[in-house]
Structures are given as C-alpha cells and as structure tokens.
Protein backbone atom coordinates (compact mmCIF):
# COMPACT_ATOMS: atom_id res chain seq x y z
CA MET A 1 -33.20 15.75 35.49
CA LYS A 2 -31.44 12.84 37.09
CA ILE A 3 -27.62 13.78 37.64
CA LEU A 4 -24.47 12.11 38.74
CA LEU A 5 -21.90 14.20 40.45
CA ALA A 6 -18.56 11.83 40.15
CA GLY A 7 -15.73 12.81 42.30
CA ASP A 8 -15.18 15.60 44.80
CA TYR A 9 -12.73 18.09 45.93
CA SER A 10 -13.47 20.29 49.43
CA ASN A 11 -17.09 19.37 49.39
CA TYR A 12 -17.64 21.20 45.96
CA HIS A 13 -20.02 18.62 44.33
CA ARG A 14 -21.77 17.97 47.61
CA ALA A 15 -22.68 21.57 48.04
CA LEU A 16 -23.59 21.65 44.31
CA SER A 17 -25.74 18.58 44.84
CA LEU A 18 -27.74 20.25 47.67
CA ALA A 19 -28.66 23.18 45.85
CA LEU A 20 -29.75 21.09 42.47
CA ARG A 21 -31.91 19.08 45.02
CA ARG A 22 -33.60 22.03 46.27
CA MET A 23 -34.25 23.18 42.76
CA GLY A 24 -36.11 19.73 42.15
CA HIS A 25 -33.49 17.49 40.58
CA GLU A 26 -32.42 14.04 41.56
CA VAL A 27 -28.64 14.03 42.44
CA VAL A 28 -26.41 11.40 43.16
CA VAL A 29 -22.87 12.13 44.63
CA ALA A 30 -20.31 9.32 44.06
CA SER A 31 -16.78 10.37 45.97
CA ASP A 32 -14.41 9.39 48.10
CA GLY A 33 -15.47 12.13 50.33
CA SER A 34 -12.53 14.19 49.57
CA GLN A 35 -10.49 11.82 51.58
CA TRP A 36 -9.68 13.09 55.03
CA MET A 37 -12.35 15.66 54.96
CA ASN A 38 -14.88 12.86 54.90
CA THR A 39 -17.42 15.18 53.12
CA ALA A 40 -20.94 13.41 52.67
CA ARG A 41 -21.81 11.43 49.59
CA ASP A 42 -24.30 8.78 48.58
CA ILE A 43 -21.90 6.31 47.06
CA ASP A 44 -18.74 5.69 48.44
CA THR A 45 -15.64 5.43 46.24
CA SER A 46 -12.62 5.77 48.53
CA ARG A 47 -9.91 3.54 47.69
CA PRO A 48 -9.29 1.28 50.95
CA PHE A 49 -5.71 0.98 50.42
CA LYS A 50 -2.71 3.10 48.37
CA ASN A 51 -1.18 0.04 47.07
CA LYS A 52 -2.33 -2.36 44.12
CA VAL A 53 -4.49 -4.33 46.54
CA GLY A 54 -6.55 -1.41 47.32
CA GLY A 55 -6.85 -0.35 43.64
CA LEU A 56 -8.34 -4.16 42.75
CA LEU A 57 -10.61 -3.94 45.39
CA LEU A 58 -11.76 -0.40 44.16
CA TRP A 59 -12.15 -1.74 40.66
CA ALA A 60 -14.04 -4.50 41.92
CA LYS A 61 -16.55 -2.51 43.69
CA LEU A 62 -17.01 -0.32 40.86
CA ASN A 63 -17.69 -2.70 38.55
CA MET A 64 -20.64 -4.09 40.80
CA LEU A 65 -21.67 -0.35 40.92
CA LEU A 66 -21.68 0.14 37.16
CA LYS A 67 -25.03 -1.34 35.98
CA SER A 68 -26.86 -0.81 39.30
CA ARG A 69 -26.15 2.83 40.20
CA LEU A 70 -23.95 4.61 37.75
CA GLU A 71 -26.10 4.47 34.69
CA GLY A 72 -29.20 6.22 33.21
CA PHE A 73 -28.48 9.80 34.36
CA ASP A 74 -29.19 12.56 32.26
CA VAL A 75 -25.95 14.35 33.14
CA VAL A 76 -22.69 13.18 34.53
CA GLN A 77 -20.62 15.90 35.80
CA ILE A 78 -16.85 14.22 36.82
CA ASN A 79 -14.78 16.73 38.98
CA SER A 80 -11.36 15.65 37.19
CA PRO A 81 -10.30 13.23 34.50
CA GLY A 82 -8.92 11.47 37.80
CA PHE A 83 -12.40 11.14 39.29
CA VAL A 84 -11.70 7.99 41.22
CA ALA A 85 -8.22 7.07 42.52
CA LEU A 86 -7.45 4.33 39.92
CA GLN A 87 -4.42 4.06 37.33
CA PRO A 88 -5.32 6.04 33.83
CA CYS A 89 -5.92 2.65 31.93
CA ARG A 90 -8.94 1.66 34.53
CA LEU A 91 -10.04 5.19 34.57
CA ARG A 92 -10.55 5.16 30.91
CA LEU A 93 -12.93 2.17 30.95
CA LEU A 94 -14.84 3.57 33.69
CA PHE A 95 -15.28 7.01 31.60
CA ASP A 96 -16.08 5.09 28.48
CA HIS A 97 -18.86 3.38 30.55
CA LEU A 98 -20.08 6.69 31.95
CA LEU A 99 -20.34 7.75 28.12
CA ALA A 100 -21.89 4.88 26.78
CA ARG A 101 -24.51 4.64 29.47
CA ASN A 102 -25.56 8.16 30.59
CA GLY A 103 -26.74 11.05 28.54
CA ALA A 104 -24.16 13.68 28.41
CA VAL A 105 -21.07 13.47 30.49
CA TYR A 106 -19.08 17.03 31.66
CA LEU A 107 -16.04 17.70 33.45
CA THR A 108 -16.01 20.04 36.57
CA ASP A 109 -12.48 21.65 36.34
CA MET A 110 -11.74 22.20 39.91
CA GLY A 111 -8.19 20.48 40.38
CA THR A 112 -4.80 20.04 38.96
CA ASP A 113 -4.48 18.16 35.68
CA THR A 114 -1.90 17.98 32.99
CA TYR A 115 -3.19 20.80 31.01
CA TYR A 116 -3.38 23.13 34.35
CA ILE A 117 0.39 22.21 34.68
CA ASP A 118 1.20 23.03 31.15
CA PHE A 119 -0.61 26.41 32.14
CA CYS A 120 1.20 27.12 35.38
CA LEU A 121 4.62 26.29 33.85
CA SER A 122 3.55 28.57 30.71
CA GLY A 123 4.44 32.07 32.60
CA ALA A 124 0.62 33.25 31.90
CA LEU A 125 0.44 33.84 35.51
CA ARG A 126 2.72 36.03 37.53
CA TYR A 127 2.66 33.16 40.44
CA ASN A 128 1.02 30.08 40.97
CA GLU A 129 1.83 26.71 43.18
CA TRP A 130 4.20 25.58 40.41
CA ARG A 131 6.09 28.82 39.42
CA VAL A 132 6.73 32.15 40.94
CA GLY A 133 7.87 34.67 38.16
CA ASN A 134 10.49 32.91 36.09
CA GLN A 135 11.58 30.58 38.88
CA PRO A 136 10.16 26.93 40.15
CA SER A 137 8.01 27.44 43.05
CA PRO A 138 8.91 25.97 46.64
CA LEU A 139 6.35 23.24 45.68
CA ALA A 140 8.16 22.46 42.43
CA LEU A 141 11.71 22.41 44.15
CA ALA A 142 10.40 20.13 46.68
CA GLN A 143 8.57 17.63 44.80
CA PRO A 144 10.17 17.37 41.20
CA ASP A 145 8.91 13.85 40.58
CA GLU A 146 5.29 15.08 41.21
CA LEU A 147 5.73 17.62 38.40
CA ARG A 148 7.09 14.77 36.29
CA ARG A 149 4.23 12.51 37.05
CA TRP A 150 1.73 14.83 35.98
CA GLN A 151 3.50 15.36 32.61
CA ALA A 152 4.13 11.72 32.34
CA PRO A 153 2.66 10.57 28.46
CA VAL A 154 0.05 7.92 30.02
CA LEU A 155 -1.38 10.72 32.06
CA THR A 156 -1.17 13.40 29.56
CA ASP A 157 -2.94 10.91 26.63
CA TYR A 158 -5.94 10.02 29.10
CA THR A 159 -6.14 14.00 30.12
CA HIS A 160 -6.38 14.62 26.60
CA TYR A 161 -8.85 11.73 25.78
CA VAL A 162 -11.18 13.12 28.45
CA TYR A 163 -11.06 16.90 27.44
CA ASP A 164 -11.71 15.87 23.72
CA ARG A 165 -14.79 13.42 24.62
CA VAL A 166 -16.63 15.32 27.57
CA ARG A 167 -19.46 17.33 26.17
CA GLY A 168 -18.48 20.55 27.77
CA ILE A 169 -16.18 21.94 30.93
CA VAL A 170 -17.63 24.05 33.89
CA SER A 171 -14.42 25.84 35.72
CA GLY A 172 -14.55 26.35 39.51
CA LEU A 173 -11.87 29.01 39.72
CA TYR A 174 -10.38 31.96 37.27
CA GLU A 175 -7.23 30.06 36.91
CA TYR A 176 -8.89 26.69 35.67
CA ASN A 177 -10.60 28.68 33.32
CA GLU A 178 -7.83 30.68 31.74
CA SER A 179 -6.56 26.98 31.45
CA CYS A 180 -9.14 25.64 29.89
CA ARG A 181 -9.57 28.57 27.16
CA ARG A 182 -6.30 27.42 25.82
CA VAL A 183 -7.52 24.19 24.83
CA VAL A 184 -11.37 24.27 24.59
CA ASP A 185 -13.79 25.95 22.41
CA SER A 186 -15.69 28.59 24.25
CA SER A 187 -18.82 27.14 23.18
CA ARG A 188 -17.75 24.19 25.61
CA LEU A 189 -16.74 26.00 28.36
CA ALA A 190 -18.45 27.90 31.20
CA TYR A 191 -17.44 29.51 34.63
CA ALA A 192 -19.40 28.71 37.51
CA GLY A 193 -17.52 29.33 40.61
CA ILE A 194 -17.35 27.41 43.92
CA PRO A 195 -21.09 26.75 45.46
CA ILE A 196 -21.45 27.97 49.21
CA TYR A 197 -24.67 27.19 51.20
CA THR A 198 -24.92 30.69 52.53
CA ASP A 199 -28.19 30.43 54.02
CA SER A 200 -26.78 27.80 56.70
CA PHE A 201 -24.20 30.56 57.82
CA THR A 202 -25.03 33.67 59.84
CA MET A 203 -22.29 36.49 60.89
CA ALA A 204 -20.06 35.18 63.27
CA HIS A 205 -19.25 38.33 65.50
CA GLY A 206 -21.71 41.22 64.07
CA ASP A 207 -20.33 44.67 64.83
CA GLU A 208 -17.95 43.42 67.61
CA VAL A 209 -14.66 44.82 67.48
CA PRO A 210 -12.15 42.27 68.87
CA SER A 211 -9.88 43.24 71.71
CA ARG A 212 -7.27 40.57 70.39
CA VAL A 213 -7.60 39.46 66.87
CA ARG A 214 -7.80 35.90 66.34
CA LEU A 215 -5.92 34.50 63.47
CA PHE A 216 -6.88 31.30 62.06
CA LEU A 217 -5.12 28.71 59.74
CA GLY A 218 -6.41 25.34 58.85
CA VAL A 219 -4.10 23.06 56.68
CA HIS A 220 -3.75 19.86 55.25
CA ARG A 221 -0.31 18.83 56.87
CA ASP A 222 1.07 17.48 53.23
CA ARG A 223 0.12 20.43 51.49
CA MET A 224 1.34 23.22 53.19
CA VAL A 225 4.24 24.10 50.81
CA GLU A 226 1.68 23.69 47.86
CA LYS A 227 -0.68 26.21 49.27
CA GLY A 228 2.03 28.29 50.88
CA THR A 229 0.68 27.97 54.16
CA ASP A 230 3.90 26.97 55.69
CA ARG A 231 4.85 30.86 54.88
CA MET A 232 1.69 32.53 56.09
CA TRP A 233 2.09 30.71 59.42
CA ALA A 234 5.54 31.88 59.74
CA ALA A 235 4.60 35.85 58.95
CA ALA A 236 1.52 35.25 61.35
CA ARG A 237 3.84 34.11 63.96
CA ARG A 238 6.48 37.02 63.84
CA VAL A 239 3.34 39.20 64.03
CA ALA A 240 2.06 37.85 67.08
CA GLU A 241 5.37 37.75 68.86
CA ARG A 242 5.60 41.53 68.45
CA HIS A 243 1.95 41.98 69.37
CA PRO A 244 0.73 39.29 71.87
CA ASP A 245 -1.66 41.53 73.33
CA LYS A 246 -3.36 42.49 69.92
CA CYS A 247 -3.86 38.91 68.44
CA GLU A 248 -3.77 35.12 69.10
CA LEU A 249 -3.16 32.42 66.39
CA VAL A 250 -5.06 28.91 65.99
CA PHE A 251 -3.59 26.63 63.91
CA VAL A 252 -5.45 23.14 63.26
CA GLU A 253 -4.86 20.28 60.67
CA ASN A 254 -6.46 17.58 58.92
CA ARG A 255 -9.65 17.91 60.51
CA PRO A 256 -12.97 16.62 58.92
CA TYR A 257 -15.12 18.93 57.06
CA SER A 258 -17.83 19.43 59.71
CA GLU A 259 -15.64 20.02 62.58
CA TYR A 260 -13.16 22.38 60.72
CA VAL A 261 -15.92 24.85 59.55
CA GLY A 262 -16.84 25.10 63.29
CA LEU A 263 -13.64 25.49 64.49
CA MET A 264 -13.15 28.27 61.97
CA ARG A 265 -16.25 30.24 63.27
CA SER A 266 -14.61 31.41 66.53
CA SER A 267 -11.69 33.44 64.49
CA HIS A 268 -11.81 36.79 63.17
CA VAL A 269 -9.24 36.28 60.29
CA VAL A 270 -8.59 33.05 58.19
CA LEU A 271 -5.44 32.71 56.46
CA ASP A 272 -6.04 30.75 53.35
CA GLN A 273 -3.55 30.42 50.63
CA LEU A 274 -0.63 32.22 48.84
CA TYR A 275 -0.23 31.04 45.25
CA SER A 276 -3.90 31.54 44.14
CA TYR A 277 -5.41 34.57 42.25
CA THR A 278 -8.68 33.18 43.47
CA PRO A 279 -10.44 32.95 46.89
CA ALA A 280 -11.35 29.17 46.73
CA THR A 281 -13.44 27.13 49.22
CA ASN A 282 -11.71 27.80 52.71
CA ALA A 283 -11.70 31.52 52.14
CA LEU A 284 -15.33 31.49 50.64
CA LEU A 285 -16.62 29.61 53.62
CA ALA A 286 -14.79 32.13 55.92
CA MET A 287 -16.22 34.93 54.33
CA ALA A 288 -19.91 33.38 54.32
CA GLN A 289 -19.67 33.76 58.12
CA GLY A 290 -18.44 37.35 58.26
CA LEU A 291 -14.74 36.48 58.47
CA VAL A 292 -12.06 38.33 56.81
CA ALA A 293 -10.17 36.01 54.70
CA VAL A 294 -6.26 36.45 53.58
CA SER A 295 -6.36 34.42 50.09
CA GLY A 296 -5.69 34.99 46.47
CA ALA A 297 -7.64 37.89 45.07
CA GLU A 298 -6.17 39.58 42.19
CA PRO A 299 -7.78 42.33 40.18
CA GLU A 300 -7.87 39.78 37.23
CA TYR A 301 -10.27 37.67 39.26
CA TYR A 302 -12.46 40.46 40.00
CA ASP A 303 -12.41 41.75 36.61
CA PHE A 304 -13.35 38.34 35.29
CA ILE A 305 -16.42 37.88 37.63
CA GLY A 306 -17.47 41.77 36.79
CA GLU A 307 -16.84 42.90 40.59
CA THR A 308 -15.94 46.53 40.38
CA GLU A 309 -16.96 47.70 43.89
CA ASN A 310 -16.78 45.37 46.67
CA ARG A 311 -13.44 43.46 46.64
CA PRO A 312 -13.16 42.53 50.37
CA VAL A 313 -10.39 39.76 50.24
CA VAL A 314 -6.77 40.69 51.51
CA ASN A 315 -4.97 39.54 48.64
CA ALA A 316 -1.98 37.67 49.94
CA ILE A 317 0.87 37.31 47.39
CA PRO A 318 4.13 35.23 47.83
CA ASP A 319 6.23 37.90 49.16
CA ASP A 320 7.06 37.36 52.96
CA GLU A 321 7.25 40.99 53.64
CA LYS A 322 4.41 42.31 52.14
CA LEU A 323 2.15 39.46 53.45
CA GLU A 324 3.80 40.28 57.12
CA ALA A 325 2.88 43.86 56.74
CA GLN A 326 -0.65 43.18 55.60
CA LEU A 327 -1.17 40.78 58.71
CA GLU A 328 0.30 43.45 61.02
CA ASP A 329 -1.94 46.16 59.62
CA ILE A 330 -4.99 43.84 60.22
CA VAL A 331 -4.08 43.04 63.72
CA LEU A 332 -3.15 46.77 64.56
CA HIS A 333 -6.66 48.19 63.12
CA PRO A 334 -9.31 45.66 64.53
CA GLU A 335 -11.83 48.51 63.98
CA ARG A 336 -11.71 47.89 60.24
CA LEU A 337 -12.88 44.06 60.86
CA PRO A 338 -16.86 44.54 61.15
CA GLU A 339 -17.16 46.52 57.93
CA GLN A 340 -14.97 44.14 55.88
CA ALA A 341 -16.61 41.10 57.44
CA ARG A 342 -20.04 42.64 56.26
CA ARG A 343 -18.80 43.09 52.85
CA SER A 344 -17.15 39.65 52.71
CA ARG A 345 -20.48 38.09 53.29
CA GLU A 346 -22.01 40.28 50.79
CA PHE A 347 -19.43 39.14 48.26
CA VAL A 348 -20.36 35.22 48.58
CA VAL A 349 -23.74 36.05 48.71
CA LYS A 350 -23.75 37.82 45.38
CA HIS A 351 -21.28 35.60 43.56
CA ASN A 352 -21.18 32.02 45.48
CA ARG A 353 -24.32 31.54 46.61
CA ASP A 354 -25.11 27.57 45.78
CA GLU A 355 -28.25 28.21 44.02
CA VAL A 356 -26.65 30.92 41.96
CA VAL A 357 -23.83 28.47 40.82
CA ALA A 358 -26.05 25.46 40.34
CA ARG A 359 -28.16 27.90 38.08
CA ARG A 360 -25.02 28.55 36.17
CA PHE A 361 -24.69 24.53 35.57
CA LEU A 362 -28.25 24.13 34.72
CA ASP A 363 -27.76 27.05 32.06
CA PHE A 364 -24.84 25.57 30.56
CA TRP A 365 -26.29 22.04 30.30
CA ALA A 366 -29.07 23.30 28.41
CA ARG A 367 -26.88 25.43 26.14
CA CYS A 368 -24.99 22.28 25.24
CA LYS A 369 -28.12 19.72 24.38
C-alpha cells in the first residue's frame, strides 16, 4: 500500500513507518519532527514562527504540497485532530482535502484532544495529568487557561468533526483507548500500542550489578509539571542525598531524539512519568535497552494487553512518600536490576516490537475496508 503518516509525537509515526517499509509498503511521514525532538520525516511541516506570520507561511507551504505530495494514498493516518500547527478553521480545510483526495483517513490517538480532556475530568481514572482523585492536578492548577483552551467550542467542534469522519481510530495507550471507547463504536476502534524498533537495541549492561545505581531523568522543560517529573526529580534527589555512595543522578532536558537515546543508555534506571497508567515511549525505549523504567504501569493496563506474568515496570503513582520509598528500594537492592532489566526487554519485544504494532495497524485497515 501507499501510506501517508501525517503528524508525529515522540517518533511514533516515524518508528511505525520503518516497520511498514520493511514489510513492503510505501510510506511517507509528514511532520514537524515532534518539534524540539527533531525526529526524522520525509516532508517537513514545521511552523516557522509561533505568531500569525508563521501560520500563514505554513499554510502557504501546505497548499503547495497538497496536490503534489499529499494525495493519492491508499491510507492516511493523522496523529491527532491537530496534526499540523494551524488554527481549527485551516485544519478543517486540510483534513477535508485529505478525505477527498485519498483512499481512507484514520486517526492515531496518541495525544491530548478535547475528548481526552473530558475523559480525564470525568473521574474514570484514579489519577491523570489533569485530575488526581477528586482534586485538580498540579497541571490543572498551574495552567487553567490551557484547560479552557481544550474545552473551547471552536476546538471541541473541530475535534468532533474529525472523529465523526475518520474511518477508524487506532489508540497508542490504554488511557486513549478508554477515552475513545466512550465516543466511538468498537468496530471503528483498535489498540496498537507504541512501536519500538527493538532490533536496533541491545542490553546495555548485561548481568552487571552496579556499584552505584545511575538514575536518569530526561525532560521537556515546559512539561515537567504535566508529566510529574518535577516530583520524581525531587524524590530522587532526596534518595541520593541519603545514599550518595549508592546512587547518582543524571538530568538532561530538551535533547534531540537521537542524542537523547544515547544519553539514556548509560543509566540503569529511567524515571519516566507520574500520572500515567501506561509506560509510554520514553519508558519503552529504556526497557528495550534493558534498563529499568519507573513509570505508569497500573494493573488495568497489564490486564488490558493480556499480560499476566511479566510486569516489570516500577509503577509510579502521584504519592511522594511512596515514590521516594520505591526509588530507595531500587538503590538499596542493585542485585535485582539484571533480572528486572532482562524482563523489561522481553516485555517490549513481546508487546511493542515495531512490526508487531505495524501488523495491528494493517489488520485494522483490512478490517475497516
């Protein structure tokens, strides 16, 4: 097939494209490179400036690309309703063009939209980035304008428009799948997970028991409150202050994707995020290298993917005392790390190997014809 993957988050569509190409398909990735991550793409759709001039320049560029490079595909998969950085009125025109000039348009649900915001605020989850228990999360308290923006009628109407017209939706995380189940018929929904090119990684440390456990935290500086990495870093610092001879901390921010993966590899434990039920790209990349991930990994997620035996992720929850105790337990028992690292890689190979994920997409596309 000829496939267009429009938009990207954290290298998702790029990783998917590589697997689909190895399986014999012609694939084009059109994205902004996940912004500062600068992930690879075939067509660059970056917005040159955040102001109105930047929007006009991007719109002009896309209009030139529409007939030359953005039509004639058997399948188009957009990464969100906002698959390029434009206002909803222009996005709708672009989306309508993709519908009219290509075979079928699908949505990869891998990021925030108005439906997901509604789901987060509904209380269906014990915690998420917008709500913890019955209370607003630190992100909701810090960015109330951002919350209102997602709920604004113009964005809500456009999101509904896209969901109603795509042929189907493929979810990348358990939470997104649960959100979609509320608004999409099951015949139009499938779970794929996050694709990881596991063959490109080897075990970073083998059976080595480290004399000092290296804790790694890589962040987007503007998203620390959203991901809970501010709290993770504070807990890790407290542990390191008590046990300076047993652990060390590595902190990096806003690094390009290729550089970031290399920096991560020198660690033993990767601190991912605090408000998720599911290990996402950062955690899975670490696990593919035989590193231990501290991330979301609730029982509901494992049950959802049918994993009853191998549950290797250290399940971080938004409780500072419990999080600190978890990190201290890791630091004080480094002899456990090699076995947990082995199980971590086995988990990713089984559930998230890129060709496994690509096959889920192909099966869904075939079912939706």
